[in-house]
Amino acid sequence: MPYDRALAIQDHAVEEVSGGGLERLLVLEHPPVITLGRNSGVEHLRIAPETLTRRGIQVVQTSRGGSVTCHYPGQLVVYSILRLDRRSGGLRRLVHTLEQAVIRVLNAFGLPSTRSPGRPGVWVQERKIASIGLGLKRWVSFHGLALNVTRDTALFDLITPCGLPGVQVTSVQAELGRDEPELAEVKQVLTAILYQELAPKDAFRHT
């Protein structure tokens, strides 16, 4: 799904949820796009924006927290539209919950992972495998997490991941050294675990 379309769906979902509608998760993939968080700018790009555009790679300034990251086919993106005024811990707790869900998913595929204090996301040793960046509007969260699944993470070579020089990026398949699990299998496991971590299944609307 194009990034702009997903953002429009999120905006509409935030309006509905803030008005009392059902919370939801949006689980999808994007064409190649580089997104800049509130704490990031073009200084974290390794190639000029106009060159990226010519290569068909969109660059978008967003309202989420965090720094620069990439989305691309083969990466699972989850946007969490949730009422945080009804949940304890606010955004910090939600970040922790999303990290925990990814760690459980990776454990299910035999891949140990962990958090890194002060650096949101999930890591395999010193390699980053999942990014998290959230926004908040009228106490409803939006944006979310991105888990790298397939081997090709070359898009990250065009940025300074997380705005931190020296950060290495990895993926599920790269760490396991094989072209599996497939994206659809990881999506199924991740969605089920997110439902367990976040709320009863009937609190969400499938889209």
N, C-alpha and C. Protein backbone atom coordinates (compact mmCIF):
# COMPACT_ATOMS: atom_id res chain seq x y z
N MET A 1 0.84 -1.19 0.00
CA MET A 1 0.00 0.00 0.00
C MET A 1 0.88 1.25 0.00
N PRO A 2 0.62 2.21 -0.89
CA PRO A 2 1.39 3.45 -0.89
C PRO A 2 1.33 4.13 0.48
N TYR A 3 2.43 4.76 0.86
CA TYR A 3 2.50 5.35 2.20
C TYR A 3 1.43 6.42 2.41
N ASP A 4 1.21 7.26 1.40
CA ASP A 4 0.23 8.34 1.54
C ASP A 4 -1.17 7.78 1.79
N ARG A 5 -1.50 6.69 1.10
CA ARG A 5 -2.83 6.10 1.31
C ARG A 5 -2.95 5.55 2.72
N ALA A 6 -1.91 4.88 3.20
CA ALA A 6 -1.93 4.34 4.56
C ALA A 6 -2.07 5.46 5.59
N LEU A 7 -1.41 6.59 5.33
CA LEU A 7 -1.51 7.72 6.25
C LEU A 7 -2.93 8.27 6.29
N ALA A 8 -3.57 8.34 5.12
CA ALA A 8 -4.96 8.81 5.07
C ALA A 8 -5.89 7.86 5.82
N ILE A 9 -5.66 6.56 5.69
CA ILE A 9 -6.48 5.58 6.41
C ILE A 9 -6.27 5.75 7.92
N GLN A 10 -5.02 5.96 8.32
CA GLN A 10 -4.76 6.19 9.74
C GLN A 10 -5.48 7.43 10.25
N ASP A 11 -5.40 8.52 9.49
CA ASP A 11 -6.06 9.76 9.92
C ASP A 11 -7.55 9.53 10.12
N HIS A 12 -8.17 8.83 9.19
CA HIS A 12 -9.61 8.54 9.31
C HIS A 12 -9.88 7.64 10.51
N ALA A 13 -9.02 6.64 10.72
CA ALA A 13 -9.19 5.73 11.86
C ALA A 13 -9.04 6.47 13.18
N VAL A 14 -8.09 7.39 13.26
CA VAL A 14 -7.91 8.17 14.48
C VAL A 14 -9.18 8.96 14.81
N GLU A 15 -9.79 9.55 13.78
CA GLU A 15 -11.02 10.30 13.99
C GLU A 15 -12.12 9.38 14.53
N GLU A 16 -12.25 8.20 13.95
CA GLU A 16 -13.29 7.27 14.38
C GLU A 16 -13.04 6.79 15.81
N VAL A 17 -11.80 6.41 16.10
CA VAL A 17 -11.49 5.87 17.43
C VAL A 17 -11.65 6.96 18.49
N SER A 18 -11.20 8.18 18.20
CA SER A 18 -11.34 9.26 19.17
C SER A 18 -12.80 9.59 19.43
N GLY A 19 -13.68 9.27 18.47
CA GLY A 19 -15.10 9.48 18.63
C GLY A 19 -15.84 8.30 19.23
N GLY A 20 -15.10 7.29 19.67
CA GLY A 20 -15.71 6.13 20.31
C GLY A 20 -15.74 4.88 19.46
N GLY A 21 -15.17 4.92 18.26
CA GLY A 21 -15.14 3.74 17.39
C GLY A 21 -14.17 2.67 17.90
N LEU A 22 -14.23 1.53 17.28
CA LEU A 22 -13.38 0.42 17.69
C LEU A 22 -11.91 0.70 17.37
N GLU A 23 -11.03 0.30 18.29
CA GLU A 23 -9.60 0.35 18.02
C GLU A 23 -9.28 -0.63 16.89
N ARG A 24 -8.12 -0.44 16.28
CA ARG A 24 -7.76 -1.35 15.19
C ARG A 24 -6.25 -1.38 14.97
N LEU A 25 -5.84 -2.43 14.27
CA LEU A 25 -4.47 -2.56 13.79
C LEU A 25 -4.50 -2.61 12.28
N LEU A 26 -3.59 -1.88 11.64
CA LEU A 26 -3.42 -1.95 10.20
C LEU A 26 -2.09 -2.65 9.94
N VAL A 27 -2.13 -3.77 9.23
CA VAL A 27 -0.93 -4.57 8.98
C VAL A 27 -0.71 -4.63 7.48
N LEU A 28 0.45 -4.15 7.00
CA LEU A 28 0.64 -3.99 5.57
C LEU A 28 2.11 -3.91 5.19
N GLU A 29 2.35 -3.75 3.89
CA GLU A 29 3.67 -3.46 3.35
C GLU A 29 3.60 -2.16 2.55
N HIS A 30 4.74 -1.52 2.38
CA HIS A 30 4.81 -0.30 1.57
C HIS A 30 5.76 -0.49 0.39
N PRO A 31 5.55 0.24 -0.71
CA PRO A 31 6.62 0.38 -1.71
C PRO A 31 7.78 1.12 -1.06
N PRO A 32 8.94 1.18 -1.71
CA PRO A 32 10.10 1.84 -1.09
C PRO A 32 9.80 3.29 -0.70
N VAL A 33 9.99 3.59 0.58
CA VAL A 33 9.77 4.94 1.09
C VAL A 33 10.68 5.16 2.29
N ILE A 34 11.22 6.35 2.39
CA ILE A 34 12.03 6.75 3.55
C ILE A 34 11.21 7.78 4.32
N THR A 35 11.03 7.53 5.61
CA THR A 35 10.23 8.45 6.43
C THR A 35 11.11 9.10 7.48
N LEU A 36 10.87 10.39 7.69
CA LEU A 36 11.62 11.18 8.65
C LEU A 36 10.71 11.50 9.83
N GLY A 37 11.12 11.10 11.03
CA GLY A 37 10.35 11.40 12.22
C GLY A 37 10.56 12.83 12.68
N ARG A 38 9.91 13.17 13.79
CA ARG A 38 10.00 14.54 14.31
C ARG A 38 11.43 14.91 14.69
N ASN A 39 12.25 13.90 15.00
CA ASN A 39 13.63 14.17 15.42
C ASN A 39 14.63 13.98 14.29
N SER A 40 14.16 14.04 13.04
CA SER A 40 15.04 13.73 11.93
C SER A 40 14.78 14.68 10.76
N GLY A 41 15.80 14.80 9.93
CA GLY A 41 15.68 15.60 8.72
C GLY A 41 16.54 15.00 7.62
N VAL A 42 16.69 15.74 6.53
CA VAL A 42 17.42 15.24 5.37
C VAL A 42 18.90 15.04 5.67
N GLU A 43 19.38 15.57 6.80
CA GLU A 43 20.79 15.35 7.15
C GLU A 43 21.10 13.87 7.38
N HIS A 44 20.07 13.06 7.57
CA HIS A 44 20.28 11.62 7.79
C HIS A 44 20.14 10.81 6.51
N LEU A 45 19.97 11.50 5.38
CA LEU A 45 19.96 10.83 4.08
C LEU A 45 21.38 10.80 3.53
N ARG A 46 21.75 9.68 2.94
CA ARG A 46 23.08 9.56 2.35
C ARG A 46 23.08 9.89 0.87
N ILE A 47 21.89 10.14 0.32
CA ILE A 47 21.73 10.51 -1.08
C ILE A 47 20.76 11.69 -1.12
N ALA A 48 20.95 12.60 -2.05
CA ALA A 48 20.08 13.77 -2.15
C ALA A 48 18.63 13.35 -2.39
N PRO A 49 17.66 14.05 -1.78
CA PRO A 49 16.25 13.69 -1.96
C PRO A 49 15.82 13.61 -3.42
N GLU A 50 16.31 14.53 -4.25
CA GLU A 50 15.91 14.51 -5.66
C GLU A 50 16.44 13.26 -6.37
N THR A 51 17.60 12.77 -5.95
CA THR A 51 18.13 11.53 -6.53
C THR A 51 17.27 10.35 -6.11
N LEU A 52 16.86 10.33 -4.85
CA LEU A 52 15.97 9.27 -4.38
C LEU A 52 14.66 9.28 -5.16
N THR A 53 14.12 10.47 -5.40
CA THR A 53 12.86 10.58 -6.15
C THR A 53 13.02 10.02 -7.55
N ARG A 54 14.13 10.33 -8.20
CA ARG A 54 14.37 9.80 -9.55
C ARG A 54 14.46 8.28 -9.54
N ARG A 55 14.90 7.72 -8.42
CA ARG A 55 14.99 6.26 -8.30
C ARG A 55 13.68 5.63 -7.84
N GLY A 56 12.65 6.43 -7.72
CA GLY A 56 11.34 5.91 -7.34
C GLY A 56 11.17 5.68 -5.86
N ILE A 57 12.00 6.34 -5.05
CA ILE A 57 11.94 6.18 -3.60
C ILE A 57 11.37 7.46 -3.00
N GLN A 58 10.21 7.35 -2.38
CA GLN A 58 9.56 8.50 -1.78
C GLN A 58 10.25 8.89 -0.48
N VAL A 59 10.31 10.19 -0.19
CA VAL A 59 10.83 10.70 1.08
C VAL A 59 9.71 11.52 1.72
N VAL A 60 9.34 11.16 2.96
CA VAL A 60 8.19 11.79 3.61
C VAL A 60 8.57 12.25 5.01
N GLN A 61 8.27 13.50 5.33
CA GLN A 61 8.38 14.00 6.69
C GLN A 61 7.10 13.63 7.43
N THR A 62 7.22 12.99 8.59
CA THR A 62 6.05 12.49 9.30
C THR A 62 5.92 13.16 10.67
N SER A 63 4.80 12.88 11.32
CA SER A 63 4.53 13.42 12.66
C SER A 63 4.82 12.42 13.76
N ARG A 64 5.39 11.28 13.41
CA ARG A 64 5.70 10.29 14.45
C ARG A 64 6.96 10.68 15.21
N GLY A 65 7.15 10.03 16.34
CA GLY A 65 8.39 10.19 17.06
C GLY A 65 9.51 9.41 16.39
N GLY A 66 10.70 9.59 16.90
CA GLY A 66 11.84 8.84 16.38
C GLY A 66 12.54 9.57 15.24
N SER A 67 13.46 8.87 14.62
CA SER A 67 14.31 9.45 13.60
C SER A 67 13.95 8.90 12.23
N VAL A 68 14.93 8.66 11.40
CA VAL A 68 14.70 8.23 10.02
C VAL A 68 14.64 6.71 9.94
N THR A 69 13.75 6.21 9.07
CA THR A 69 13.70 4.78 8.82
C THR A 69 13.22 4.53 7.39
N CYS A 70 13.16 3.27 7.00
CA CYS A 70 12.74 2.88 5.65
C CYS A 70 11.59 1.88 5.74
N HIS A 71 10.75 1.90 4.70
CA HIS A 71 9.75 0.85 4.51
C HIS A 71 9.89 0.34 3.08
N TYR A 72 9.58 -0.93 2.87
CA TYR A 72 9.77 -1.54 1.56
C TYR A 72 9.06 -2.89 1.53
N PRO A 73 8.80 -3.44 0.35
CA PRO A 73 8.21 -4.78 0.27
C PRO A 73 9.11 -5.80 0.95
N GLY A 74 8.51 -6.65 1.78
CA GLY A 74 9.29 -7.61 2.55
C GLY A 74 9.45 -7.19 3.99
N GLN A 75 8.94 -6.02 4.33
CA GLN A 75 8.94 -5.54 5.71
C GLN A 75 7.48 -5.42 6.16
N LEU A 76 7.17 -5.97 7.33
CA LEU A 76 5.83 -5.85 7.88
C LEU A 76 5.70 -4.56 8.67
N VAL A 77 4.70 -3.78 8.34
CA VAL A 77 4.42 -2.53 9.05
C VAL A 77 3.09 -2.68 9.77
N VAL A 78 3.06 -2.29 11.04
CA VAL A 78 1.84 -2.36 11.84
C VAL A 78 1.54 -0.98 12.39
N TYR A 79 0.39 -0.44 12.03
CA TYR A 79 -0.07 0.83 12.59
C TYR A 79 -1.12 0.53 13.65
N SER A 80 -0.89 1.03 14.85
CA SER A 80 -1.76 0.72 16.00
C SER A 80 -2.58 1.96 16.35
N ILE A 81 -3.89 1.87 16.15
CA ILE A 81 -4.81 2.98 16.41
C ILE A 81 -5.54 2.64 17.71
N LEU A 82 -5.05 3.18 18.82
CA LEU A 82 -5.49 2.74 20.15
C LEU A 82 -5.81 3.94 21.04
N ARG A 83 -6.78 3.77 21.94
CA ARG A 83 -7.17 4.79 22.90
C ARG A 83 -6.26 4.71 24.12
N LEU A 84 -5.29 5.60 24.20
CA LEU A 84 -4.34 5.52 25.31
C LEU A 84 -4.89 6.13 26.60
N ASP A 85 -5.98 6.89 26.51
CA ASP A 85 -6.58 7.40 27.75
C ASP A 85 -7.28 6.28 28.52
N ARG A 86 -7.43 5.13 27.89
CA ARG A 86 -8.05 3.98 28.56
C ARG A 86 -7.01 2.92 28.91
N ARG A 87 -5.74 3.25 28.74
CA ARG A 87 -4.67 2.30 29.00
C ARG A 87 -3.64 2.96 29.91
N SER A 88 -3.07 2.20 30.79
CA SER A 88 -2.06 2.75 31.68
C SER A 88 -0.71 2.84 30.98
N GLY A 89 0.06 3.84 31.37
CA GLY A 89 1.45 3.91 30.89
C GLY A 89 1.68 4.75 29.67
N GLY A 90 0.62 5.15 28.96
CA GLY A 90 0.78 6.03 27.81
C GLY A 90 1.64 5.46 26.69
N LEU A 91 2.29 6.36 25.96
CA LEU A 91 3.09 5.96 24.81
C LEU A 91 4.27 5.08 25.21
N ARG A 92 4.88 5.38 26.34
CA ARG A 92 6.03 4.58 26.77
C ARG A 92 5.64 3.13 26.97
N ARG A 93 4.49 2.91 27.59
CA ARG A 93 4.02 1.54 27.80
C ARG A 93 3.69 0.87 26.47
N LEU A 94 3.11 1.63 25.54
CA LEU A 94 2.79 1.05 24.24
C LEU A 94 4.05 0.65 23.50
N VAL A 95 5.09 1.49 23.54
CA VAL A 95 6.36 1.11 22.91
C VAL A 95 6.86 -0.20 23.50
N HIS A 96 6.83 -0.32 24.81
CA HIS A 96 7.29 -1.55 25.48
C HIS A 96 6.46 -2.75 25.03
N THR A 97 5.15 -2.57 24.90
CA THR A 97 4.28 -3.67 24.49
C THR A 97 4.56 -4.10 23.06
N LEU A 98 4.76 -3.14 22.17
CA LEU A 98 5.07 -3.48 20.78
C LEU A 98 6.42 -4.19 20.68
N GLU A 99 7.40 -3.72 21.44
CA GLU A 99 8.69 -4.41 21.47
C GLU A 99 8.52 -5.84 21.96
N GLN A 100 7.73 -6.02 23.02
CA GLN A 100 7.53 -7.36 23.57
C GLN A 100 6.86 -8.27 22.56
N ALA A 101 5.91 -7.75 21.81
CA ALA A 101 5.25 -8.57 20.79
C ALA A 101 6.24 -9.04 19.74
N VAL A 102 7.13 -8.15 19.28
CA VAL A 102 8.13 -8.53 18.27
C VAL A 102 9.09 -9.56 18.85
N ILE A 103 9.53 -9.36 20.08
CA ILE A 103 10.43 -10.33 20.71
C ILE A 103 9.79 -11.69 20.79
N ARG A 104 8.50 -11.75 21.13
CA ARG A 104 7.80 -13.04 21.16
C ARG A 104 7.72 -13.67 19.78
N VAL A 105 7.48 -12.86 18.76
CA VAL A 105 7.43 -13.38 17.39
C VAL A 105 8.78 -13.99 17.01
N LEU A 106 9.85 -13.26 17.26
CA LEU A 106 11.17 -13.75 16.89
C LEU A 106 11.54 -15.01 17.67
N ASN A 107 11.17 -15.05 18.93
CA ASN A 107 11.39 -16.28 19.71
C ASN A 107 10.66 -17.46 19.10
N ALA A 108 9.46 -17.22 18.58
CA ALA A 108 8.68 -18.29 17.97
C ALA A 108 9.39 -18.89 16.76
N PHE A 109 10.24 -18.09 16.11
CA PHE A 109 10.99 -18.58 14.95
C PHE A 109 12.43 -18.93 15.32
N GLY A 110 12.69 -19.06 16.62
CA GLY A 110 14.02 -19.48 17.06
C GLY A 110 15.07 -18.42 16.97
N LEU A 111 14.68 -17.16 17.08
CA LEU A 111 15.62 -16.06 16.92
C LEU A 111 15.62 -15.20 18.18
N PRO A 112 16.60 -15.34 19.06
CA PRO A 112 16.65 -14.52 20.27
C PRO A 112 16.87 -13.05 19.94
N SER A 113 16.18 -12.18 20.66
CA SER A 113 16.30 -10.75 20.43
C SER A 113 16.10 -10.02 21.74
N THR A 114 16.31 -8.71 21.72
CA THR A 114 16.25 -7.96 22.96
C THR A 114 15.96 -6.50 22.69
N ARG A 115 15.73 -5.75 23.76
CA ARG A 115 15.65 -4.29 23.70
C ARG A 115 17.05 -3.72 23.89
N SER A 116 17.18 -2.43 23.57
CA SER A 116 18.43 -1.71 23.82
C SER A 116 18.06 -0.43 24.54
N PRO A 117 18.44 -0.27 25.81
CA PRO A 117 18.04 0.91 26.59
C PRO A 117 18.33 2.22 25.87
N GLY A 118 17.30 3.05 25.79
CA GLY A 118 17.45 4.35 25.16
C GLY A 118 17.33 4.33 23.65
N ARG A 119 17.16 3.14 23.07
CA ARG A 119 17.02 3.02 21.61
C ARG A 119 15.79 2.18 21.31
N PRO A 120 14.63 2.80 21.11
CA PRO A 120 13.40 2.04 20.86
C PRO A 120 13.54 1.11 19.68
N GLY A 121 12.89 -0.04 19.77
CA GLY A 121 12.96 -1.05 18.72
C GLY A 121 13.42 -2.37 19.28
N VAL A 122 13.71 -3.30 18.38
CA VAL A 122 14.15 -4.64 18.78
C VAL A 122 15.45 -4.94 18.06
N TRP A 123 16.35 -5.60 18.78
CA TRP A 123 17.72 -5.81 18.30
C TRP A 123 18.10 -7.28 18.42
N VAL A 124 18.90 -7.73 17.47
CA VAL A 124 19.56 -9.04 17.54
C VAL A 124 21.04 -8.73 17.75
N GLN A 125 21.49 -8.93 18.98
CA GLN A 125 22.80 -8.42 19.40
C GLN A 125 22.85 -6.92 19.12
N GLU A 126 23.74 -6.45 18.25
CA GLU A 126 23.82 -5.02 17.97
C GLU A 126 23.17 -4.65 16.64
N ARG A 127 22.42 -5.59 16.06
CA ARG A 127 21.78 -5.34 14.76
C ARG A 127 20.29 -5.08 14.96
N LYS A 128 19.80 -4.03 14.34
CA LYS A 128 18.40 -3.65 14.52
C LYS A 128 17.52 -4.40 13.54
N ILE A 129 16.48 -5.04 14.05
CA ILE A 129 15.59 -5.84 13.22
C ILE A 129 14.18 -5.27 13.15
N ALA A 130 13.83 -4.41 14.10
CA ALA A 130 12.49 -3.79 14.11
C ALA A 130 12.58 -2.38 14.65
N SER A 131 11.84 -1.47 14.01
CA SER A 131 11.81 -0.07 14.42
C SER A 131 10.43 0.27 14.97
N ILE A 132 10.39 1.24 15.89
CA ILE A 132 9.13 1.69 16.46
C ILE A 132 9.13 3.22 16.52
N GLY A 133 8.06 3.80 16.02
CA GLY A 133 7.87 5.25 16.09
C GLY A 133 6.38 5.53 16.16
N LEU A 134 5.95 6.30 17.15
CA LEU A 134 4.53 6.52 17.39
C LEU A 134 4.17 8.00 17.36
N GLY A 135 2.91 8.25 17.10
CA GLY A 135 2.35 9.59 17.22
C GLY A 135 1.11 9.52 18.10
N LEU A 136 0.65 10.68 18.55
CA LEU A 136 -0.51 10.73 19.43
C LEU A 136 -1.36 11.94 19.06
N LYS A 137 -2.65 11.70 18.87
CA LYS A 137 -3.59 12.77 18.55
C LYS A 137 -4.87 12.53 19.34
N ARG A 138 -5.25 13.50 20.17
CA ARG A 138 -6.44 13.38 21.02
C ARG A 138 -6.44 12.06 21.80
N TRP A 139 -5.27 11.69 22.31
CA TRP A 139 -5.08 10.49 23.12
C TRP A 139 -5.29 9.19 22.33
N VAL A 140 -5.21 9.29 21.01
CA VAL A 140 -5.26 8.09 20.16
C VAL A 140 -3.90 7.94 19.49
N SER A 141 -3.31 6.75 19.61
CA SER A 141 -2.01 6.49 19.00
C SER A 141 -2.15 6.21 17.51
N PHE A 142 -1.11 6.49 16.77
CA PHE A 142 -1.02 6.10 15.36
C PHE A 142 0.45 5.92 15.02
N HIS A 143 0.72 5.54 13.77
CA HIS A 143 2.03 5.00 13.37
C HIS A 143 2.26 3.71 14.18
N GLY A 144 3.49 3.22 14.28
CA GLY A 144 3.64 1.94 14.97
C GLY A 144 5.00 1.31 14.81
N LEU A 145 5.02 0.06 14.30
CA LEU A 145 6.27 -0.69 14.23
C LEU A 145 6.51 -1.22 12.82
N ALA A 146 7.77 -1.52 12.54
CA ALA A 146 8.17 -2.11 11.26
C ALA A 146 9.17 -3.23 11.55
N LEU A 147 8.84 -4.43 11.10
CA LEU A 147 9.68 -5.61 11.31
C LEU A 147 10.24 -6.06 9.97
N ASN A 148 11.57 -6.11 9.86
CA ASN A 148 12.23 -6.55 8.63
C ASN A 148 12.17 -8.07 8.55
N VAL A 149 11.58 -8.58 7.49
CA VAL A 149 11.40 -10.03 7.36
C VAL A 149 12.31 -10.62 6.28
N THR A 150 12.22 -10.13 5.05
CA THR A 150 12.99 -10.74 3.96
C THR A 150 14.44 -10.26 3.98
N ARG A 151 15.28 -10.93 3.20
CA ARG A 151 16.72 -10.71 3.27
C ARG A 151 17.17 -9.31 2.85
N ASP A 152 16.53 -8.77 1.81
CA ASP A 152 17.04 -7.55 1.19
C ASP A 152 16.69 -6.32 2.03
N THR A 153 17.69 -5.78 2.71
CA THR A 153 17.50 -4.55 3.49
C THR A 153 18.36 -3.41 2.92
N ALA A 154 18.63 -3.48 1.61
CA ALA A 154 19.56 -2.53 0.99
C ALA A 154 19.08 -1.09 1.07
N LEU A 155 17.78 -0.87 1.19
CA LEU A 155 17.28 0.50 1.26
C LEU A 155 17.87 1.25 2.45
N PHE A 156 18.16 0.53 3.52
CA PHE A 156 18.75 1.17 4.70
C PHE A 156 20.15 1.72 4.43
N ASP A 157 20.81 1.24 3.37
CA ASP A 157 22.13 1.77 3.03
C ASP A 157 22.07 3.23 2.59
N LEU A 158 20.87 3.71 2.28
CA LEU A 158 20.71 5.08 1.79
C LEU A 158 20.46 6.09 2.90
N ILE A 159 20.40 5.61 4.14
CA ILE A 159 20.14 6.50 5.28
C ILE A 159 21.11 6.17 6.42
N THR A 160 21.08 7.02 7.44
CA THR A 160 21.73 6.70 8.71
C THR A 160 20.64 6.16 9.62
N PRO A 161 20.49 4.84 9.72
CA PRO A 161 19.34 4.27 10.43
C PRO A 161 19.22 4.83 11.85
N CYS A 162 18.01 5.26 12.19
CA CYS A 162 17.71 5.82 13.52
C CYS A 162 18.48 7.10 13.79
N GLY A 163 19.20 7.62 12.78
CA GLY A 163 20.03 8.79 13.00
C GLY A 163 21.29 8.48 13.80
N LEU A 164 21.62 7.19 13.93
CA LEU A 164 22.76 6.77 14.75
C LEU A 164 23.84 6.17 13.86
N PRO A 165 24.95 6.84 13.66
CA PRO A 165 26.01 6.28 12.82
C PRO A 165 26.47 4.92 13.35
N GLY A 166 26.69 4.00 12.43
CA GLY A 166 27.21 2.70 12.79
C GLY A 166 26.17 1.64 13.08
N VAL A 167 24.89 2.02 13.10
CA VAL A 167 23.84 1.03 13.35
C VAL A 167 23.72 0.10 12.16
N GLN A 168 23.75 -1.19 12.42
CA GLN A 168 23.55 -2.20 11.39
C GLN A 168 22.10 -2.66 11.42
N VAL A 169 21.56 -2.92 10.23
CA VAL A 169 20.18 -3.37 10.10
C VAL A 169 20.17 -4.81 9.62
N THR A 170 19.26 -5.60 10.15
CA THR A 170 19.16 -7.00 9.77
C THR A 170 17.69 -7.37 9.57
N SER A 171 17.45 -8.64 9.26
CA SER A 171 16.09 -9.11 9.03
C SER A 171 15.95 -10.54 9.56
N VAL A 172 14.73 -11.00 9.62
CA VAL A 172 14.47 -12.36 10.11
C VAL A 172 15.19 -13.38 9.23
N GLN A 173 15.00 -13.30 7.93
CA GLN A 173 15.60 -14.28 7.03
C GLN A 173 17.13 -14.18 7.03
N ALA A 174 17.66 -12.95 7.10
CA ALA A 174 19.12 -12.80 7.12
C ALA A 174 19.71 -13.44 8.36
N GLU A 175 19.07 -13.28 9.50
CA GLU A 175 19.59 -13.85 10.73
C GLU A 175 19.49 -15.37 10.74
N LEU A 176 18.42 -15.89 10.14
CA LEU A 176 18.24 -17.34 10.11
C LEU A 176 19.02 -17.99 8.97
N GLY A 177 19.48 -17.18 8.00
CA GLY A 177 20.29 -17.70 6.90
C GLY A 177 19.52 -18.53 5.89
N ARG A 178 18.24 -18.21 5.73
CA ARG A 178 17.42 -18.94 4.75
C ARG A 178 16.25 -18.06 4.31
N ASP A 179 15.62 -18.42 3.19
CA ASP A 179 14.53 -17.63 2.64
C ASP A 179 13.19 -18.02 3.26
N GLU A 180 13.19 -18.22 4.52
CA GLU A 180 11.97 -18.50 5.28
C GLU A 180 12.24 -18.09 6.73
N PRO A 181 11.20 -17.85 7.49
CA PRO A 181 9.78 -17.97 7.15
C PRO A 181 9.35 -16.93 6.12
N GLU A 182 8.28 -17.24 5.40
CA GLU A 182 7.75 -16.29 4.45
C GLU A 182 7.00 -15.18 5.18
N LEU A 183 6.85 -14.08 4.47
CA LEU A 183 6.22 -12.91 5.08
C LEU A 183 4.83 -13.23 5.62
N ALA A 184 4.05 -14.00 4.87
CA ALA A 184 2.68 -14.29 5.30
C ALA A 184 2.65 -15.05 6.62
N GLU A 185 3.61 -15.94 6.83
CA GLU A 185 3.66 -16.68 8.09
C GLU A 185 4.02 -15.77 9.25
N VAL A 186 4.99 -14.89 9.05
CA VAL A 186 5.36 -13.95 10.11
C VAL A 186 4.19 -13.01 10.41
N LYS A 187 3.48 -12.58 9.38
CA LYS A 187 2.33 -11.71 9.57
C LYS A 187 1.27 -12.38 10.44
N GLN A 188 1.00 -13.64 10.18
CA GLN A 188 0.00 -14.37 10.95
C GLN A 188 0.39 -14.46 12.42
N VAL A 189 1.65 -14.80 12.67
CA VAL A 189 2.11 -14.94 14.06
C VAL A 189 2.13 -13.58 14.75
N LEU A 190 2.62 -12.55 14.07
CA LEU A 190 2.71 -11.22 14.66
C LEU A 190 1.32 -10.68 15.01
N THR A 191 0.38 -10.84 14.10
CA THR A 191 -0.97 -10.34 14.35
C THR A 191 -1.60 -11.03 15.55
N ALA A 192 -1.44 -12.34 15.64
CA ALA A 192 -2.01 -13.08 16.77
C ALA A 192 -1.40 -12.63 18.10
N ILE A 193 -0.10 -12.43 18.11
CA ILE A 193 0.57 -12.02 19.34
C ILE A 193 0.20 -10.58 19.71
N LEU A 194 0.08 -9.71 18.74
CA LEU A 194 -0.34 -8.34 19.03
C LEU A 194 -1.72 -8.31 19.66
N TYR A 195 -2.64 -9.12 19.15
CA TYR A 195 -3.97 -9.20 19.75
C TYR A 195 -3.87 -9.64 21.21
N GLN A 196 -3.01 -10.60 21.48
CA GLN A 196 -2.85 -11.07 22.86
C GLN A 196 -2.26 -9.97 23.74
N GLU A 197 -1.29 -9.25 23.22
CA GLU A 197 -0.59 -8.24 24.02
C GLU A 197 -1.42 -6.99 24.25
N LEU A 198 -2.24 -6.63 23.27
CA LEU A 198 -2.88 -5.32 23.31
C LEU A 198 -4.31 -5.33 23.86
N ALA A 199 -5.11 -6.33 23.48
CA ALA A 199 -6.51 -6.30 23.89
C ALA A 199 -7.20 -7.57 23.41
N PRO A 200 -8.40 -7.87 23.93
CA PRO A 200 -9.19 -8.97 23.40
C PRO A 200 -9.44 -8.76 21.91
N LYS A 201 -9.55 -9.85 21.17
CA LYS A 201 -9.71 -9.75 19.73
C LYS A 201 -10.93 -8.95 19.32
N ASP A 202 -12.01 -9.03 20.11
CA ASP A 202 -13.23 -8.33 19.69
C ASP A 202 -13.15 -6.83 19.91
N ALA A 203 -12.00 -6.34 20.40
CA ALA A 203 -11.83 -4.89 20.53
C ALA A 203 -11.33 -4.26 19.24
N PHE A 204 -11.05 -5.07 18.22
CA PHE A 204 -10.50 -4.58 16.97
C PHE A 204 -11.45 -4.82 15.82
N ARG A 205 -11.33 -4.00 14.81
CA ARG A 205 -12.05 -4.20 13.57
C ARG A 205 -11.06 -4.67 12.52
N HIS A 206 -11.36 -5.77 11.85
CA HIS A 206 -10.47 -6.25 10.79
C HIS A 206 -10.67 -5.40 9.54
N THR A 207 -9.56 -4.95 8.92
CA THR A 207 -9.64 -4.13 7.72
C THR A 207 -8.72 -4.68 6.67
